[in-house]
């Protein structure tokens, strides 16, 4: 039985993380973290492929966070003055 909670370095990894929906990206990220933890505990270091995947995942998650932050800032800037008072 394979351990599906970890992402094996030899396992297929998506070429384009921008096409992955958020839930699947979070799952990949979690599996990558579990692999990194396991490799570090067993070997004292992580596999270079696992580290590369970690870097790619972190970049995509950071990119999406920046988009959300920009959208939230734009929404706050474009809100009608006093609209918060009416909502409350």
Protein backbone atom coordinates (compact mmCIF):
# COMPACT_ATOMS: atom_id res chain seq x y z
CA UNK A 1 0.00 0.00 0.00
CA UNK A 2 1.36 3.41 -0.91
CA UNK A 3 1.40 6.34 1.48
CA UNK A 4 -0.84 8.83 -0.30
CA UNK A 5 -0.37 11.44 2.42
CA UNK A 6 3.15 12.09 1.09
CA UNK A 7 4.28 13.23 -2.34
CA UNK A 8 7.00 10.89 -3.57
CA UNK A 9 9.80 12.73 -5.44
CA UNK A 10 9.41 10.31 -8.37
CA UNK A 11 5.65 10.83 -8.59
CA UNK A 12 4.18 12.88 -11.42
CA UNK A 13 4.06 16.57 -10.54
CA UNK A 14 2.02 19.11 -12.52
CA UNK A 15 4.01 21.20 -15.00
CA UNK A 16 1.68 24.20 -14.64
CA UNK A 17 0.45 24.86 -11.11
CA UNK A 18 -1.60 27.84 -12.30
CA UNK A 19 -4.12 25.40 -13.78
CA UNK A 20 -4.67 23.55 -10.47
CA UNK A 21 -7.67 24.57 -8.37
CA UNK A 22 -7.01 25.89 -4.87
CA UNK A 23 -8.11 22.76 -3.00
CA UNK A 24 -5.88 20.48 -5.08
CA UNK A 25 -2.98 22.92 -4.72
CA UNK A 26 -3.41 22.88 -0.94
CA UNK A 27 -3.43 19.07 -1.00
CA UNK A 28 -0.22 18.97 -3.07
CA UNK A 29 1.38 21.46 -0.70
CA UNK A 30 0.39 19.40 2.34
CA UNK A 31 1.69 16.19 0.77
CA UNK A 32 4.95 17.96 -0.12
CA UNK A 33 5.38 19.18 3.47
CA UNK A 34 4.78 15.68 4.80
CA UNK A 35 7.40 14.32 2.38
CA UNK A 36 9.91 16.97 3.38
CA UNK A 37 9.34 16.22 7.07
CA UNK A 38 9.67 12.46 6.53
CA UNK A 39 12.81 12.80 4.41
CA UNK A 40 14.44 15.13 6.92
CA UNK A 41 13.66 12.78 9.81
CA UNK A 42 14.91 9.70 7.93
CA UNK A 43 17.89 11.18 6.09
CA UNK A 44 18.71 14.47 7.77
CA UNK A 45 18.00 16.27 4.49
CA UNK A 46 15.38 16.49 1.77
CA UNK A 47 15.46 15.17 -1.76
CA UNK A 48 16.35 17.89 -4.31
CA UNK A 49 13.23 17.06 -6.34
CA UNK A 50 11.05 17.49 -3.26
CA UNK A 51 12.72 20.82 -2.54
CA UNK A 52 12.14 21.95 -6.13
CA UNK A 53 8.48 21.03 -5.86
CA UNK A 54 8.29 22.92 -2.57
CA UNK A 55 9.75 26.00 -4.25
CA UNK A 56 7.24 25.77 -7.14
CA UNK A 57 4.31 25.32 -4.77
CA UNK A 58 5.41 28.24 -2.59
CA UNK A 59 5.77 30.50 -5.65
CA UNK A 60 2.25 29.64 -6.87
CA UNK A 61 0.69 30.05 -3.44
CA UNK A 62 2.45 33.42 -3.03
CA UNK A 63 1.28 34.51 -6.49
CA UNK A 64 -2.32 33.67 -5.65
CA UNK A 65 -2.07 35.43 -2.30
CA UNK A 66 -0.76 38.57 -4.01
CA UNK A 67 -3.71 38.47 -6.42
CA UNK A 68 -6.16 38.17 -3.51
CA UNK A 69 -4.43 40.99 -1.64
CA UNK A 70 -4.57 43.23 -4.72
CA UNK A 71 -8.25 42.44 -5.27
CA UNK A 72 -9.06 43.17 -1.61
CA UNK A 73 -7.19 46.49 -1.79
CA UNK A 74 -8.99 47.39 -5.02
CA UNK A 75 -12.35 46.51 -3.46
CA UNK A 76 -11.63 48.66 -0.41
CA UNK A 77 -10.49 51.57 -2.59
CA UNK A 78 -13.56 51.36 -4.81
CA UNK A 79 -16.08 51.03 -1.96
CA UNK A 80 -18.56 53.83 -1.51
CA UNK A 81 -17.70 56.22 1.32
CA UNK A 82 -19.76 55.41 4.37
CA UNK A 83 -20.91 52.03 3.03
CA UNK A 84 -19.54 50.32 6.15
CA UNK A 85 -21.81 52.43 8.33
CA UNK A 86 -24.89 51.39 6.36
CA UNK A 87 -23.97 47.72 6.53
CA UNK A 88 -23.51 47.71 10.29
